[in-house]
Every structure is written in C-alpha cells, then in structure tokens.
N, C-alpha and C. Protein backbone atom coordinates (compact mmCIF):
# COMPACT_ATOMS: atom_id res chain seq x y z
N MET A 1 12.76 -27.22 2.59
CA MET A 1 12.28 -25.87 2.79
C MET A 1 13.25 -24.86 2.18
N ARG A 2 14.52 -25.21 2.06
CA ARG A 2 15.53 -24.31 1.52
C ARG A 2 15.19 -23.87 0.09
N ASP A 3 14.74 -24.82 -0.75
CA ASP A 3 14.39 -24.48 -2.12
C ASP A 3 13.21 -23.52 -2.17
N PHE A 4 12.23 -23.74 -1.33
CA PHE A 4 11.05 -22.88 -1.28
C PHE A 4 11.46 -21.45 -0.92
N ILE A 5 12.29 -21.29 0.10
CA ILE A 5 12.73 -19.97 0.54
C ILE A 5 13.54 -19.28 -0.55
N LYS A 6 14.40 -20.03 -1.24
CA LYS A 6 15.22 -19.45 -2.32
C LYS A 6 14.32 -18.90 -3.43
N ILE A 7 13.28 -19.63 -3.78
CA ILE A 7 12.36 -19.19 -4.83
C ILE A 7 11.57 -17.97 -4.38
N MET A 8 11.09 -18.00 -3.15
CA MET A 8 10.32 -16.86 -2.65
C MET A 8 11.19 -15.61 -2.57
N LYS A 9 12.44 -15.76 -2.14
CA LYS A 9 13.35 -14.61 -2.10
C LYS A 9 13.63 -14.09 -3.51
N ALA A 10 13.78 -15.00 -4.46
CA ALA A 10 14.02 -14.58 -5.85
C ALA A 10 12.86 -13.76 -6.38
N LEU A 11 11.65 -14.09 -5.97
CA LEU A 11 10.47 -13.38 -6.45
C LEU A 11 10.08 -12.19 -5.57
N SER A 12 10.90 -11.89 -4.57
CA SER A 12 10.57 -10.79 -3.67
C SER A 12 10.97 -9.42 -4.21
N ASP A 13 11.68 -9.40 -5.33
CA ASP A 13 12.11 -8.14 -5.93
C ASP A 13 11.23 -7.83 -7.14
N PRO A 14 10.67 -6.62 -7.21
CA PRO A 14 9.79 -6.27 -8.33
C PRO A 14 10.46 -6.41 -9.70
N ASN A 15 11.75 -6.08 -9.81
CA ASN A 15 12.41 -6.21 -11.10
C ASN A 15 12.55 -7.66 -11.54
N ARG A 16 12.74 -8.56 -10.60
CA ARG A 16 12.82 -9.98 -10.96
C ARG A 16 11.46 -10.51 -11.40
N VAL A 17 10.40 -10.03 -10.77
CA VAL A 17 9.05 -10.42 -11.22
C VAL A 17 8.81 -9.89 -12.63
N LYS A 18 9.25 -8.68 -12.90
CA LYS A 18 9.10 -8.11 -14.24
C LYS A 18 9.87 -8.93 -15.27
N ILE A 19 11.05 -9.39 -14.91
CA ILE A 19 11.83 -10.23 -15.83
C ILE A 19 11.07 -11.51 -16.14
N ILE A 20 10.50 -12.12 -15.12
CA ILE A 20 9.70 -13.34 -15.35
C ILE A 20 8.54 -13.03 -16.30
N LYS A 21 7.84 -11.93 -16.06
CA LYS A 21 6.71 -11.57 -16.92
C LYS A 21 7.15 -11.32 -18.36
N LEU A 22 8.31 -10.69 -18.55
CA LEU A 22 8.82 -10.46 -19.90
C LEU A 22 9.18 -11.78 -20.58
N LEU A 23 9.81 -12.68 -19.84
CA LEU A 23 10.23 -13.96 -20.41
C LEU A 23 9.05 -14.87 -20.72
N GLN A 24 7.87 -14.55 -20.21
CA GLN A 24 6.67 -15.30 -20.60
C GLN A 24 6.32 -15.05 -22.06
N HIS A 25 6.82 -13.94 -22.61
CA HIS A 25 6.46 -13.56 -23.97
C HIS A 25 7.50 -13.95 -25.01
N ARG A 26 8.77 -13.98 -24.61
CA ARG A 26 9.81 -14.41 -25.55
C ARG A 26 11.15 -14.56 -24.86
N VAL A 27 12.04 -15.22 -25.52
CA VAL A 27 13.42 -15.36 -25.07
C VAL A 27 14.08 -14.00 -25.21
N LEU A 28 14.88 -13.62 -24.20
CA LEU A 28 15.54 -12.32 -24.21
C LEU A 28 17.00 -12.44 -23.81
N CYS A 29 17.81 -11.51 -24.30
CA CYS A 29 19.20 -11.42 -23.86
C CYS A 29 19.29 -10.32 -22.80
N VAL A 30 20.45 -10.21 -22.17
CA VAL A 30 20.65 -9.22 -21.11
C VAL A 30 20.39 -7.80 -21.63
N CYS A 31 20.88 -7.49 -22.82
CA CYS A 31 20.73 -6.13 -23.33
C CYS A 31 19.26 -5.78 -23.57
N GLU A 32 18.45 -6.75 -23.98
CA GLU A 32 17.03 -6.48 -24.19
C GLU A 32 16.32 -6.27 -22.85
N ILE A 33 16.67 -7.06 -21.85
CA ILE A 33 16.08 -6.89 -20.52
C ILE A 33 16.51 -5.55 -19.93
N ARG A 34 17.77 -5.21 -20.10
CA ARG A 34 18.28 -3.92 -19.63
C ARG A 34 17.51 -2.78 -20.27
N GLU A 35 17.30 -2.86 -21.57
CA GLU A 35 16.56 -1.83 -22.30
C GLU A 35 15.11 -1.74 -21.80
N ALA A 36 14.47 -2.86 -21.59
CA ALA A 36 13.07 -2.87 -21.16
C ALA A 36 12.91 -2.28 -19.77
N LEU A 37 13.82 -2.62 -18.87
CA LEU A 37 13.68 -2.20 -17.47
C LEU A 37 14.41 -0.91 -17.14
N GLY A 38 15.32 -0.47 -18.01
CA GLY A 38 16.08 0.75 -17.74
C GLY A 38 17.06 0.58 -16.60
N LEU A 39 17.64 -0.60 -16.48
CA LEU A 39 18.61 -0.90 -15.42
C LEU A 39 20.00 -1.06 -16.01
N ALA A 40 21.00 -0.97 -15.16
CA ALA A 40 22.38 -1.22 -15.58
C ALA A 40 22.55 -2.70 -15.92
N GLN A 41 23.47 -2.97 -16.83
CA GLN A 41 23.73 -4.36 -17.24
C GLN A 41 24.13 -5.22 -16.06
N SER A 42 24.94 -4.69 -15.16
CA SER A 42 25.39 -5.47 -14.01
C SER A 42 24.22 -5.80 -13.08
N THR A 43 23.28 -4.88 -12.95
CA THR A 43 22.10 -5.12 -12.11
C THR A 43 21.22 -6.20 -12.73
N VAL A 44 21.02 -6.13 -14.04
CA VAL A 44 20.23 -7.15 -14.73
C VAL A 44 20.90 -8.51 -14.57
N SER A 45 22.21 -8.56 -14.75
CA SER A 45 22.94 -9.83 -14.62
C SER A 45 22.78 -10.42 -13.22
N LYS A 46 22.82 -9.58 -12.22
CA LYS A 46 22.63 -10.04 -10.83
C LYS A 46 21.23 -10.64 -10.65
N HIS A 47 20.23 -9.94 -11.15
CA HIS A 47 18.86 -10.44 -11.05
C HIS A 47 18.72 -11.78 -11.79
N LEU A 48 19.31 -11.88 -12.96
CA LEU A 48 19.23 -13.11 -13.74
C LEU A 48 19.90 -14.27 -13.01
N ARG A 49 21.02 -14.01 -12.39
CA ARG A 49 21.72 -15.05 -11.64
C ARG A 49 20.86 -15.57 -10.49
N ILE A 50 20.21 -14.68 -9.77
CA ILE A 50 19.35 -15.07 -8.65
C ILE A 50 18.17 -15.91 -9.15
N LEU A 51 17.56 -15.48 -10.25
CA LEU A 51 16.44 -16.24 -10.82
C LEU A 51 16.88 -17.61 -11.32
N GLU A 52 18.06 -17.66 -11.91
CA GLU A 52 18.58 -18.94 -12.43
C GLU A 52 18.91 -19.88 -11.27
N GLU A 53 19.54 -19.37 -10.22
CA GLU A 53 19.87 -20.20 -9.06
C GLU A 53 18.63 -20.74 -8.36
N ALA A 54 17.53 -20.01 -8.47
CA ALA A 54 16.26 -20.44 -7.87
C ALA A 54 15.52 -21.44 -8.77
N GLY A 55 16.03 -21.67 -9.97
CA GLY A 55 15.40 -22.61 -10.88
C GLY A 55 14.21 -22.04 -11.64
N LEU A 56 14.12 -20.71 -11.71
CA LEU A 56 12.99 -20.07 -12.38
C LEU A 56 13.26 -19.74 -13.84
N ILE A 57 14.53 -19.54 -14.18
CA ILE A 57 14.89 -19.28 -15.57
C ILE A 57 16.07 -20.16 -15.95
N THR A 58 16.32 -20.22 -17.22
CA THR A 58 17.46 -20.96 -17.73
C THR A 58 18.09 -20.12 -18.84
N PHE A 59 19.28 -20.49 -19.25
CA PHE A 59 19.93 -19.76 -20.33
C PHE A 59 20.60 -20.72 -21.29
N SER A 60 20.80 -20.25 -22.50
CA SER A 60 21.54 -21.01 -23.50
C SER A 60 22.37 -20.02 -24.30
N LYS A 61 23.49 -20.50 -24.80
CA LYS A 61 24.36 -19.64 -25.59
C LYS A 61 24.14 -19.91 -27.07
N ASP A 62 24.11 -18.82 -27.83
CA ASP A 62 23.94 -18.90 -29.28
C ASP A 62 24.91 -17.90 -29.88
N GLY A 63 26.11 -18.38 -30.18
CA GLY A 63 27.14 -17.48 -30.67
C GLY A 63 27.50 -16.48 -29.58
N GLN A 64 27.40 -15.18 -29.90
CA GLN A 64 27.73 -14.14 -28.93
C GLN A 64 26.59 -13.88 -27.94
N TRP A 65 25.42 -14.42 -28.22
CA TRP A 65 24.24 -14.14 -27.39
C TRP A 65 24.07 -15.17 -26.29
N VAL A 66 23.66 -14.70 -25.13
CA VAL A 66 23.21 -15.58 -24.05
C VAL A 66 21.71 -15.32 -23.94
N ASN A 67 20.93 -16.34 -24.26
CA ASN A 67 19.48 -16.21 -24.30
C ASN A 67 18.87 -16.75 -23.02
N TYR A 68 17.99 -15.96 -22.43
CA TYR A 68 17.31 -16.34 -21.19
C TYR A 68 15.86 -16.67 -21.49
N SER A 69 15.38 -17.72 -20.83
CA SER A 69 13.98 -18.14 -20.98
C SER A 69 13.49 -18.69 -19.65
N LEU A 70 12.19 -18.87 -19.55
CA LEU A 70 11.64 -19.46 -18.34
C LEU A 70 12.05 -20.92 -18.24
N ALA A 71 12.31 -21.36 -17.04
CA ALA A 71 12.62 -22.77 -16.81
C ALA A 71 11.33 -23.58 -16.96
N ASP A 72 11.48 -24.87 -17.18
CA ASP A 72 10.30 -25.71 -17.31
C ASP A 72 9.73 -26.14 -15.96
N GLY A 73 10.42 -25.77 -14.88
CA GLY A 73 9.93 -26.10 -13.54
C GLY A 73 10.31 -27.48 -13.07
N SER A 74 11.07 -28.21 -13.87
CA SER A 74 11.41 -29.58 -13.50
C SER A 74 12.38 -29.67 -12.32
N SER A 75 13.07 -28.58 -12.01
CA SER A 75 14.03 -28.60 -10.92
C SER A 75 13.37 -28.55 -9.55
N SER A 76 12.13 -28.07 -9.50
CA SER A 76 11.46 -27.90 -8.22
C SER A 76 9.96 -27.80 -8.41
N PRO A 77 9.19 -28.51 -7.59
CA PRO A 77 7.73 -28.35 -7.68
C PRO A 77 7.28 -26.94 -7.29
N TYR A 78 8.05 -26.29 -6.43
CA TYR A 78 7.72 -24.91 -6.03
C TYR A 78 7.90 -23.97 -7.22
N ALA A 79 9.01 -24.14 -7.94
CA ALA A 79 9.26 -23.30 -9.13
C ALA A 79 8.17 -23.55 -10.17
N ALA A 80 7.83 -24.80 -10.40
CA ALA A 80 6.80 -25.13 -11.39
C ALA A 80 5.46 -24.49 -11.02
N SER A 81 5.10 -24.60 -9.77
CA SER A 81 3.82 -24.05 -9.31
C SER A 81 3.77 -22.53 -9.43
N LEU A 82 4.83 -21.87 -8.99
CA LEU A 82 4.85 -20.41 -9.05
C LEU A 82 4.94 -19.89 -10.48
N LEU A 83 5.72 -20.56 -11.32
CA LEU A 83 5.79 -20.13 -12.72
C LEU A 83 4.43 -20.29 -13.39
N GLY A 84 3.73 -21.38 -13.08
CA GLY A 84 2.40 -21.59 -13.63
C GLY A 84 1.42 -20.53 -13.16
N SER A 85 1.47 -20.20 -11.89
CA SER A 85 0.57 -19.18 -11.35
C SER A 85 0.90 -17.80 -11.89
N LEU A 86 2.18 -17.48 -12.01
CA LEU A 86 2.58 -16.15 -12.51
C LEU A 86 2.13 -15.91 -13.94
N ARG A 87 1.86 -16.98 -14.69
CA ARG A 87 1.35 -16.81 -16.05
C ARG A 87 0.00 -16.08 -16.04
N HIS A 88 -0.71 -16.18 -14.94
CA HIS A 88 -2.06 -15.61 -14.84
C HIS A 88 -2.12 -14.40 -13.92
N TRP A 89 -1.05 -14.13 -13.21
CA TRP A 89 -1.04 -13.04 -12.25
C TRP A 89 -0.41 -11.80 -12.87
N LEU A 90 -0.84 -10.66 -12.44
CA LEU A 90 -0.25 -9.34 -12.73
C LEU A 90 -0.39 -8.88 -14.18
N ASP A 91 -1.10 -9.61 -15.03
CA ASP A 91 -1.22 -9.22 -16.43
C ASP A 91 -1.95 -7.90 -16.62
N ASP A 92 -2.74 -7.49 -15.64
CA ASP A 92 -3.46 -6.23 -15.78
C ASP A 92 -2.81 -5.09 -14.98
N GLU A 93 -1.66 -5.36 -14.38
CA GLU A 93 -0.91 -4.31 -13.68
C GLU A 93 -0.38 -3.32 -14.72
N PRO A 94 -0.63 -2.03 -14.55
CA PRO A 94 -0.20 -1.04 -15.55
C PRO A 94 1.29 -1.12 -15.91
N GLU A 95 2.13 -1.34 -14.94
CA GLU A 95 3.58 -1.40 -15.22
C GLU A 95 3.93 -2.61 -16.09
N ILE A 96 3.28 -3.73 -15.83
CA ILE A 96 3.51 -4.95 -16.63
C ILE A 96 2.94 -4.75 -18.03
N VAL A 97 1.75 -4.19 -18.13
CA VAL A 97 1.14 -3.93 -19.43
C VAL A 97 2.05 -3.04 -20.28
N SER A 98 2.60 -2.00 -19.68
CA SER A 98 3.49 -1.09 -20.39
C SER A 98 4.76 -1.81 -20.88
N LEU A 99 5.35 -2.63 -20.02
CA LEU A 99 6.55 -3.38 -20.41
C LEU A 99 6.27 -4.31 -21.57
N VAL A 100 5.19 -5.04 -21.48
CA VAL A 100 4.83 -6.02 -22.51
C VAL A 100 4.50 -5.30 -23.83
N ASP A 101 3.85 -4.16 -23.74
CA ASP A 101 3.53 -3.39 -24.95
C ASP A 101 4.78 -2.89 -25.66
N ARG A 102 5.84 -2.58 -24.91
CA ARG A 102 7.09 -2.09 -25.50
C ARG A 102 7.96 -3.21 -26.05
N LEU A 103 7.72 -4.42 -25.60
CA LEU A 103 8.59 -5.55 -25.94
C LEU A 103 8.79 -5.76 -27.45
N PRO A 104 7.76 -5.63 -28.28
CA PRO A 104 7.99 -5.83 -29.73
C PRO A 104 8.95 -4.82 -30.35
N PHE A 105 9.16 -3.71 -29.69
CA PHE A 105 10.02 -2.65 -30.23
C PHE A 105 11.45 -2.72 -29.68
N ILE A 106 11.72 -3.74 -28.89
CA ILE A 106 13.06 -3.91 -28.31
C ILE A 106 13.76 -5.03 -29.07
N SER A 107 14.86 -4.69 -29.69
CA SER A 107 15.58 -5.63 -30.54
C SER A 107 17.07 -5.63 -30.20
N ARG A 108 17.62 -6.79 -29.95
CA ARG A 108 19.05 -6.87 -29.63
C ARG A 108 19.91 -6.35 -30.77
N GLU A 109 19.47 -6.54 -31.99
CA GLU A 109 20.26 -6.06 -33.13
C GLU A 109 20.32 -4.53 -33.13
N GLN A 110 19.22 -3.87 -32.82
CA GLN A 110 19.21 -2.41 -32.77
C GLN A 110 20.00 -1.88 -31.56
N ILE A 111 19.88 -2.57 -30.43
CA ILE A 111 20.56 -2.13 -29.23
C ILE A 111 22.07 -2.28 -29.35
N CYS A 112 22.49 -3.43 -29.84
CA CYS A 112 23.92 -3.76 -29.90
C CYS A 112 24.55 -3.47 -31.25
N GLY A 113 23.73 -3.13 -32.24
CA GLY A 113 24.27 -2.78 -33.55
C GLY A 113 24.79 -3.95 -34.34
N ASN A 114 24.32 -5.15 -34.04
CA ASN A 114 24.79 -6.34 -34.79
C ASN A 114 23.73 -6.84 -35.74
C-alpha cells in the first residue's frame, strides 16, 4: 500500500500533473519545465524529485543536460496504470491545452543560451 500512497501523493499537486502531461509530449530539462510552468528552478526540482521517487518519471544525463521523461511503469503496477490513464485524461483542460500549445516554442538552447 505504501507505493500506492506515494504515487497518489505525487499526483495530488496540480503542477506535478502538469509536468506529467508535458512529458507525454517530449523529453524536457528543468529549465524548459520551469519556463513552461513559470515556477522557480528549486520548486521544479522538488516536484521532479517527488515524481521520480514515486516511479512516475525518470532522468538521464546528456552532457550538461539532465533530461526528464515518463517512466515506463515497470517499477510499479500502480505507476503503470496511472501513467496509462493520464495519457487520456485532462487533454481538453484549458490549462493543459495552453501548456501543450506553448511547448514547441520552449527551447533549452534559447533559455540557457547554449
């Protein structure tokens, strides 16, 4: 039951749900998520840590970049089930639509100048 509660708590914050919805569209770094959500870098990092500990996202390093993506759900049947369901949920929510529409215009190279 502990894993289930951890996942449900991770998804209880609207910004963490938004991060999941953004990661359904592409791999993102912290600066891109920060830009999309208008949050401080430290706040985004905290949200990412909670999602990663719940088994909902994963990260990989590529040079200076830390890339975040959705987990495959193999760590937990609860994570797999919720990630699968979230692919179909909230897509017509105005706030999610707006975030997804802005995503093509958010670039780590433009944000960080690299």
